[in-house]
C-alpha cells in the first residue's frame, strides 16, 4: 500500500468518529451519532529530511502539544526507517448525524427507554514506565 501511495497512486482516506448510540423504541430505528469524512486524492512520498521532520513534529504536537520539545528527536537511522506520506486531496465528502432517535408513530407508547448514550474518548491518568530517573510530570500531562 505504501509503495502504491508513494508512486502517486490514488488513495482514499476515511475517518469516522462515533459520538453516541441512538436508542429508539424499535431496534430497526436505532442509529449512531457520528462525524465522518472521506478524502480522495493522490499520495506522494515526502522524501526531504526537513519535510519529514516537519510532518512528524506537526503530528506529535497535534496529539500532545509540548511533547515534541521534551522528547528526543528521531535520529538518522529512525528517519530512514520512517516513511511520511502526503495526500494531495482532490475531492472530499463529510457527513454528520446528530440528535435523538426517530420512532414510528405506532411505537411511541411502548414502555421502552429512548434517547442517546453519549460516547467520548477521555485520556486517563498517566502511568509512569517505572524505569530511568524520576522526572516531574510535564505540564501537558498534569493539566489533563
N, C-alpha and C. Protein backbone atom coordinates (compact mmCIF):
# COMPACT_ATOMS: atom_id res chain seq x y z
N UNK A 1 0.82 -1.18 0.00
CA UNK A 1 0.00 0.00 0.00
C UNK A 1 0.87 1.25 0.00
N UNK A 2 1.88 1.29 0.85
CA UNK A 2 2.76 2.47 0.90
C UNK A 2 3.48 2.67 -0.42
N UNK A 3 3.88 1.59 -1.04
CA UNK A 3 4.55 1.69 -2.35
C UNK A 3 3.60 2.31 -3.38
N UNK A 4 2.36 1.86 -3.38
CA UNK A 4 1.34 2.38 -4.30
C UNK A 4 1.15 3.89 -4.07
N UNK A 5 1.01 4.29 -2.82
CA UNK A 5 0.81 5.70 -2.50
C UNK A 5 2.05 6.51 -2.83
N UNK A 6 3.22 5.99 -2.49
CA UNK A 6 4.47 6.71 -2.74
C UNK A 6 4.72 6.94 -4.23
N UNK A 7 4.15 6.09 -5.07
CA UNK A 7 4.32 6.23 -6.52
C UNK A 7 3.24 7.12 -7.13
N UNK A 8 2.48 7.82 -6.28
CA UNK A 8 1.46 8.74 -6.79
C UNK A 8 0.13 8.08 -7.05
N UNK A 9 -0.07 6.90 -6.50
CA UNK A 9 -1.33 6.19 -6.72
C UNK A 9 -2.51 6.86 -6.04
N UNK A 10 -3.69 6.53 -6.55
CA UNK A 10 -4.91 7.06 -5.95
C UNK A 10 -5.08 6.47 -4.55
N UNK A 11 -5.64 7.30 -3.67
CA UNK A 11 -5.84 6.88 -2.30
C UNK A 11 -7.16 7.44 -1.77
N UNK A 12 -7.77 6.69 -0.87
CA UNK A 12 -8.99 7.13 -0.20
C UNK A 12 -8.72 7.04 1.30
N UNK A 13 -8.91 8.14 1.99
CA UNK A 13 -8.72 8.18 3.44
C UNK A 13 -10.10 8.40 4.07
N UNK A 14 -10.48 7.51 4.97
CA UNK A 14 -11.79 7.59 5.60
C UNK A 14 -11.63 7.64 7.11
N UNK A 15 -12.33 8.57 7.74
CA UNK A 15 -12.30 8.70 9.20
C UNK A 15 -13.73 8.83 9.70
N UNK A 16 -14.05 8.07 10.75
CA UNK A 16 -15.36 8.18 11.39
C UNK A 16 -15.15 8.28 12.89
N UNK A 17 -15.83 9.24 13.49
CA UNK A 17 -15.78 9.42 14.95
C UNK A 17 -17.19 9.22 15.48
N UNK A 18 -17.36 8.24 16.37
CA UNK A 18 -18.67 7.95 16.94
C UNK A 18 -18.89 8.84 18.16
N UNK A 19 -20.02 9.57 18.16
CA UNK A 19 -20.36 10.47 19.26
C UNK A 19 -21.41 9.90 20.21
N UNK A 20 -22.19 8.93 19.76
CA UNK A 20 -23.20 8.37 20.65
C UNK A 20 -24.01 7.28 19.98
N UNK A 21 -24.60 6.43 20.83
CA UNK A 21 -25.53 5.41 20.36
C UNK A 21 -26.93 5.98 20.50
N UNK A 22 -27.70 5.90 19.44
CA UNK A 22 -29.06 6.45 19.42
C UNK A 22 -30.02 5.28 19.58
N UNK A 23 -30.70 5.25 20.72
CA UNK A 23 -31.54 4.12 21.08
C UNK A 23 -33.01 4.50 20.93
N UNK A 24 -33.67 3.84 20.00
CA UNK A 24 -35.08 4.10 19.72
C UNK A 24 -35.94 3.02 20.39
N UNK A 25 -37.23 3.13 20.26
CA UNK A 25 -38.14 2.11 20.81
C UNK A 25 -38.06 0.82 20.01
N UNK A 26 -37.72 0.93 18.75
CA UNK A 26 -37.58 -0.22 17.87
C UNK A 26 -36.10 -0.39 17.51
N UNK A 27 -35.62 -1.62 17.55
CA UNK A 27 -34.23 -1.88 17.16
C UNK A 27 -33.96 -1.40 15.74
N UNK A 28 -34.97 -1.54 14.89
CA UNK A 28 -34.83 -1.12 13.49
C UNK A 28 -34.48 0.37 13.39
N UNK A 29 -34.95 1.17 14.32
CA UNK A 29 -34.72 2.61 14.28
C UNK A 29 -33.52 3.07 15.12
N UNK A 30 -32.78 2.15 15.71
CA UNK A 30 -31.55 2.53 16.40
C UNK A 30 -30.59 3.15 15.38
N UNK A 31 -29.70 3.99 15.85
CA UNK A 31 -28.74 4.63 14.96
C UNK A 31 -27.49 4.98 15.74
N UNK A 32 -26.64 5.75 15.12
CA UNK A 32 -25.39 6.22 15.73
C UNK A 32 -25.21 7.68 15.36
N UNK A 33 -24.87 8.51 16.35
CA UNK A 33 -24.47 9.88 16.07
C UNK A 33 -22.98 9.84 15.76
N UNK A 34 -22.59 10.50 14.69
CA UNK A 34 -21.19 10.39 14.24
C UNK A 34 -20.81 11.59 13.40
N UNK A 35 -19.50 11.68 13.16
CA UNK A 35 -18.93 12.62 12.20
C UNK A 35 -17.98 11.81 11.33
N UNK A 36 -18.08 11.97 10.02
CA UNK A 36 -17.20 11.21 9.15
C UNK A 36 -16.75 12.05 7.97
N UNK A 37 -15.61 11.66 7.44
CA UNK A 37 -15.07 12.34 6.25
C UNK A 37 -14.41 11.30 5.37
N UNK A 38 -14.55 11.49 4.07
CA UNK A 38 -13.90 10.65 3.07
C UNK A 38 -13.13 11.57 2.15
N UNK A 39 -11.83 11.33 2.03
CA UNK A 39 -10.96 12.16 1.20
C UNK A 39 -10.40 11.31 0.07
N UNK A 40 -10.41 11.86 -1.13
CA UNK A 40 -9.85 11.19 -2.30
C UNK A 40 -8.71 12.03 -2.84
N UNK A 41 -7.64 11.38 -3.23
CA UNK A 41 -6.52 12.12 -3.79
C UNK A 41 -5.42 11.21 -4.26
N UNK A 42 -4.27 11.81 -4.43
CA UNK A 42 -3.08 11.07 -4.84
C UNK A 42 -2.01 11.23 -3.78
N UNK A 43 -1.37 10.11 -3.48
CA UNK A 43 -0.33 10.13 -2.47
C UNK A 43 1.02 10.47 -3.06
N UNK A 44 1.90 10.89 -2.19
CA UNK A 44 3.29 11.10 -2.59
C UNK A 44 4.16 10.93 -1.36
N UNK A 45 5.31 10.39 -1.57
CA UNK A 45 6.27 10.18 -0.50
C UNK A 45 6.97 11.50 -0.20
N UNK A 46 7.01 11.88 1.05
CA UNK A 46 7.77 13.06 1.47
C UNK A 46 9.20 12.58 1.68
N UNK A 47 10.10 13.03 0.82
CA UNK A 47 11.47 12.50 0.85
C UNK A 47 12.49 13.42 1.49
N UNK A 48 12.26 14.73 1.44
CA UNK A 48 13.27 15.62 2.00
C UNK A 48 13.20 15.59 3.53
N UNK A 49 14.36 15.59 4.14
CA UNK A 49 14.51 15.44 5.59
C UNK A 49 13.71 16.49 6.36
N UNK A 50 13.78 17.73 5.93
CA UNK A 50 13.09 18.80 6.67
C UNK A 50 11.57 18.65 6.55
N UNK A 51 11.09 18.22 5.40
CA UNK A 51 9.65 17.99 5.24
C UNK A 51 9.16 16.85 6.10
N UNK A 52 9.92 15.76 6.16
CA UNK A 52 9.57 14.63 7.01
C UNK A 52 9.54 15.06 8.48
N UNK A 53 10.59 15.77 8.88
CA UNK A 53 10.70 16.21 10.28
C UNK A 53 9.55 17.14 10.64
N UNK A 54 9.19 18.05 9.73
CA UNK A 54 8.08 18.98 9.99
C UNK A 54 6.76 18.22 10.13
N UNK A 55 6.55 17.22 9.28
CA UNK A 55 5.32 16.43 9.35
C UNK A 55 5.25 15.65 10.66
N UNK A 56 6.35 15.05 11.06
CA UNK A 56 6.38 14.30 12.32
C UNK A 56 6.15 15.22 13.51
N UNK A 57 6.74 16.41 13.46
CA UNK A 57 6.53 17.39 14.54
C UNK A 57 5.07 17.82 14.61
N UNK A 58 4.48 18.11 13.46
CA UNK A 58 3.08 18.55 13.43
C UNK A 58 2.16 17.45 13.96
N UNK A 59 2.43 16.20 13.58
CA UNK A 59 1.63 15.07 14.03
C UNK A 59 1.73 14.91 15.55
N UNK A 60 2.96 14.94 16.06
CA UNK A 60 3.19 14.79 17.50
C UNK A 60 2.52 15.91 18.28
N UNK A 61 2.68 17.14 17.81
CA UNK A 61 2.11 18.29 18.51
C UNK A 61 0.59 18.31 18.46
N UNK A 62 0.00 17.75 17.41
CA UNK A 62 -1.46 17.68 17.32
C UNK A 62 -2.00 16.72 18.37
N UNK A 63 -1.28 15.61 18.58
CA UNK A 63 -1.71 14.61 19.55
C UNK A 63 -1.47 15.08 20.97
N UNK A 64 -0.30 15.64 21.24
CA UNK A 64 0.06 16.05 22.60
C UNK A 64 0.94 17.29 22.55
N UNK A 65 0.33 18.47 22.52
CA UNK A 65 1.10 19.72 22.42
C UNK A 65 2.16 19.83 23.52
N UNK A 66 3.38 20.11 23.10
CA UNK A 66 4.51 20.25 24.02
C UNK A 66 5.43 19.05 24.05
N UNK A 67 4.99 17.91 23.55
CA UNK A 67 5.79 16.68 23.64
C UNK A 67 7.00 16.70 22.73
N UNK A 68 6.88 17.31 21.55
CA UNK A 68 7.99 17.34 20.59
C UNK A 68 9.22 17.97 21.21
N UNK A 69 9.05 19.03 21.98
CA UNK A 69 10.18 19.73 22.59
C UNK A 69 10.80 18.93 23.74
N UNK A 70 10.04 18.03 24.36
CA UNK A 70 10.54 17.26 25.50
C UNK A 70 11.30 16.01 25.10
N UNK A 71 10.83 15.32 24.08
CA UNK A 71 11.38 14.01 23.73
C UNK A 71 12.58 14.14 22.79
N UNK A 72 13.38 13.08 22.73
CA UNK A 72 14.49 13.04 21.79
C UNK A 72 13.93 12.98 20.39
N UNK A 73 14.51 13.77 19.51
CA UNK A 73 14.06 13.77 18.11
C UNK A 73 14.58 12.52 17.40
N UNK A 74 13.95 12.13 16.30
CA UNK A 74 14.39 10.95 15.57
C UNK A 74 15.84 11.09 15.10
N UNK A 75 16.59 10.00 15.23
CA UNK A 75 17.97 10.01 14.74
C UNK A 75 17.98 9.59 13.26
N UNK A 76 19.11 9.68 12.58
CA UNK A 76 19.15 9.35 11.14
C UNK A 76 18.66 7.94 10.80
N UNK A 77 18.96 6.96 11.64
CA UNK A 77 18.51 5.59 11.38
C UNK A 77 16.99 5.51 11.48
N UNK A 78 16.42 6.16 12.50
CA UNK A 78 14.97 6.16 12.67
C UNK A 78 14.28 6.91 11.53
N UNK A 79 14.87 8.00 11.09
CA UNK A 79 14.29 8.76 9.98
C UNK A 79 14.29 7.94 8.69
N UNK A 80 15.38 7.17 8.49
CA UNK A 80 15.46 6.33 7.29
C UNK A 80 14.41 5.23 7.32
N UNK A 81 14.08 4.75 8.53
CA UNK A 81 13.10 3.66 8.69
C UNK A 81 11.65 4.17 8.69
N UNK A 82 11.47 5.49 8.64
CA UNK A 82 10.14 6.08 8.72
C UNK A 82 9.74 6.68 7.38
N UNK A 83 8.56 6.30 6.90
CA UNK A 83 8.01 6.90 5.69
C UNK A 83 6.94 7.90 6.08
N UNK A 84 6.94 9.02 5.42
CA UNK A 84 5.89 10.02 5.59
C UNK A 84 5.21 10.18 4.24
N UNK A 85 3.91 10.02 4.24
CA UNK A 85 3.13 10.12 3.02
C UNK A 85 2.26 11.37 3.09
N UNK A 86 2.25 12.14 2.04
CA UNK A 86 1.33 13.28 1.93
C UNK A 86 0.27 12.90 0.92
N UNK A 87 -0.92 13.40 1.13
CA UNK A 87 -2.02 13.16 0.19
C UNK A 87 -2.52 14.50 -0.31
N UNK A 88 -2.41 14.70 -1.61
CA UNK A 88 -2.97 15.89 -2.24
C UNK A 88 -4.45 15.61 -2.48
N UNK A 89 -5.31 16.26 -1.70
CA UNK A 89 -6.74 15.99 -1.73
C UNK A 89 -7.36 16.58 -3.00
N UNK A 90 -8.02 15.71 -3.76
CA UNK A 90 -8.70 16.13 -4.99
C UNK A 90 -10.19 16.33 -4.78
N UNK A 91 -10.78 15.56 -3.87
CA UNK A 91 -12.18 15.75 -3.53
C UNK A 91 -12.41 15.16 -2.14
N UNK A 92 -13.50 15.62 -1.52
CA UNK A 92 -13.80 15.15 -0.17
C UNK A 92 -15.30 15.21 0.07
N UNK A 93 -15.73 14.43 1.03
CA UNK A 93 -17.13 14.41 1.42
C UNK A 93 -17.18 14.23 2.94
N UNK A 94 -18.11 14.91 3.59
CA UNK A 94 -18.27 14.76 5.03
C UNK A 94 -19.74 14.54 5.34
N UNK A 95 -20.00 13.81 6.42
CA UNK A 95 -21.37 13.53 6.81
C UNK A 95 -21.43 13.52 8.33
N UNK A 96 -22.54 14.06 8.85
CA UNK A 96 -22.73 14.12 10.31
C UNK A 96 -24.15 13.65 10.61
N UNK A 97 -24.29 12.87 11.68
CA UNK A 97 -25.62 12.50 12.18
C UNK A 97 -25.64 12.93 13.63
N UNK A 98 -26.60 13.77 14.02
CA UNK A 98 -26.76 14.21 15.40
C UNK A 98 -28.22 14.09 15.79
N UNK A 99 -28.49 14.20 17.06
CA UNK A 99 -29.87 14.28 17.53
C UNK A 99 -30.43 13.01 18.10
N UNK A 100 -31.70 13.09 18.49
CA UNK A 100 -32.37 11.97 19.15
C UNK A 100 -32.85 10.92 18.15
N UNK A 101 -33.41 9.83 18.68
CA UNK A 101 -33.97 8.80 17.79
C UNK A 101 -35.25 9.31 17.14
N UNK A 102 -35.63 8.63 16.09
CA UNK A 102 -36.89 8.91 15.39
C UNK A 102 -37.67 7.60 15.35
N UNK A 103 -38.78 7.58 16.09
CA UNK A 103 -39.59 6.36 16.17
C UNK A 103 -40.82 6.45 15.28
N UNK A 104 -41.31 5.29 14.91
CA UNK A 104 -42.57 5.20 14.17
C UNK A 104 -43.71 5.61 15.11
N UNK A 105 -44.71 6.26 14.58
CA UNK A 105 -45.86 6.69 15.39
C UNK A 105 -46.48 5.53 16.16
N UNK A 106 -46.53 4.37 15.55
CA UNK A 106 -47.15 3.20 16.19
C UNK A 106 -46.37 2.73 17.42
N UNK A 107 -45.09 3.12 17.54
CA UNK A 107 -44.25 2.67 18.66
C UNK A 107 -44.16 3.68 19.80
N UNK A 108 -44.69 4.87 19.64
CA UNK A 108 -44.48 5.95 20.60
C UNK A 108 -44.94 5.62 22.02
N UNK A 109 -45.95 4.79 22.19
CA UNK A 109 -46.46 4.47 23.52
C UNK A 109 -45.83 3.23 24.14
N UNK A 110 -44.89 2.59 23.45
CA UNK A 110 -44.22 1.41 24.02
C UNK A 110 -43.40 1.82 25.24
N UNK A 111 -43.41 1.01 26.31
CA UNK A 111 -42.67 1.34 27.53
C UNK A 111 -41.18 0.96 27.41
N UNK A 112 -40.49 1.62 26.52
CA UNK A 112 -39.07 1.34 26.25
C UNK A 112 -38.31 2.65 26.37
N UNK A 113 -37.17 2.62 27.08
CA UNK A 113 -36.35 3.83 27.22
C UNK A 113 -35.80 4.22 25.85
N UNK A 114 -35.83 5.51 25.55
CA UNK A 114 -35.28 6.03 24.31
C UNK A 114 -34.40 7.22 24.62
N UNK A 115 -33.41 7.43 23.79
CA UNK A 115 -32.51 8.56 23.96
C UNK A 115 -31.17 8.28 23.33
N UNK A 116 -30.19 9.07 23.75
CA UNK A 116 -28.83 8.95 23.21
C UNK A 116 -27.88 8.59 24.34
N UNK A 117 -27.04 7.61 24.12
CA UNK A 117 -25.97 7.26 25.04
C UNK A 117 -24.69 7.88 24.48
N UNK A 118 -24.26 9.04 25.03
CA UNK A 118 -23.06 9.70 24.50
C UNK A 118 -21.81 8.83 24.68
N UNK A 119 -20.95 8.90 23.71
CA UNK A 119 -19.67 8.18 23.77
C UNK A 119 -18.57 9.22 23.60
N UNK A 120 -17.59 9.18 24.51
CA UNK A 120 -16.47 10.11 24.40
C UNK A 120 -15.18 9.38 24.70
N UNK A 121 -14.12 9.89 24.16
CA UNK A 121 -12.80 9.33 24.40
C UNK A 121 -12.08 10.28 25.35
N UNK A 122 -11.65 9.77 26.49
CA UNK A 122 -11.03 10.60 27.51
C UNK A 122 -9.70 9.97 27.91
N UNK A 123 -8.68 10.80 27.99
CA UNK A 123 -7.37 10.31 28.45
C UNK A 123 -7.44 10.02 29.94
N UNK A 124 -6.86 8.90 30.35
CA UNK A 124 -6.81 8.54 31.75
C UNK A 124 -5.60 9.15 32.44
N UNK A 125 -5.41 8.79 33.70
CA UNK A 125 -4.27 9.29 34.48
C UNK A 125 -2.98 8.67 33.93
N UNK A 126 -1.93 9.48 33.79
CA UNK A 126 -0.64 8.96 33.30
C UNK A 126 -0.09 7.87 34.22
N UNK A 127 0.49 6.83 33.62
CA UNK A 127 1.09 5.73 34.36
C UNK A 127 2.58 5.71 34.03
N UNK A 128 3.46 5.98 35.01
CA UNK A 128 4.89 6.01 34.71
C UNK A 128 5.42 4.63 34.31
N UNK A 129 6.46 4.63 33.48
CA UNK A 129 7.05 3.38 32.98
C UNK A 129 7.77 2.61 34.07
N UNK A 130 8.29 3.29 35.09
CA UNK A 130 8.95 2.60 36.19
C UNK A 130 10.44 2.40 36.01
N UNK A 131 11.05 3.04 35.03
CA UNK A 131 12.50 2.95 34.87
C UNK A 131 13.05 4.33 34.57
N UNK A 132 14.37 4.46 34.68
CA UNK A 132 15.01 5.74 34.43
C UNK A 132 14.87 6.68 35.62
N UNK A 133 15.43 7.87 35.47
CA UNK A 133 15.35 8.83 36.58
C UNK A 133 13.91 9.30 36.81
N UNK A 134 13.63 9.67 38.06
CA UNK A 134 12.31 10.20 38.38
C UNK A 134 12.24 11.63 37.84
N UNK A 135 11.22 11.89 37.03
CA UNK A 135 11.03 13.19 36.40
C UNK A 135 9.62 13.68 36.72
N UNK A 136 9.51 14.97 37.03
CA UNK A 136 8.18 15.53 37.28
C UNK A 136 7.30 15.36 36.05
N UNK A 137 6.01 15.17 36.31
CA UNK A 137 5.05 15.05 35.24
C UNK A 137 5.01 16.35 34.44
N UNK A 138 5.18 16.29 33.11
CA UNK A 138 5.15 17.51 32.31
C UNK A 138 3.78 18.19 32.42
N UNK A 139 3.77 19.49 32.27
CA UNK A 139 2.54 20.27 32.41
C UNK A 139 1.45 19.77 31.45
N UNK A 140 1.85 19.40 30.21
CA UNK A 140 0.85 18.97 29.24
C UNK A 140 0.18 17.65 29.62
N UNK A 141 0.77 16.91 30.56
CA UNK A 141 0.11 15.71 31.09
C UNK A 141 -0.61 16.00 32.40
N UNK A 142 -0.02 16.87 33.22
CA UNK A 142 -0.60 17.20 34.52
C UNK A 142 -1.90 17.97 34.36
N UNK A 143 -2.03 18.76 33.31
CA UNK A 143 -3.23 19.60 33.11
C UNK A 143 -4.41 18.82 32.55
N UNK A 144 -4.25 17.55 32.28
CA UNK A 144 -5.35 16.77 31.68
C UNK A 144 -6.32 16.30 32.73
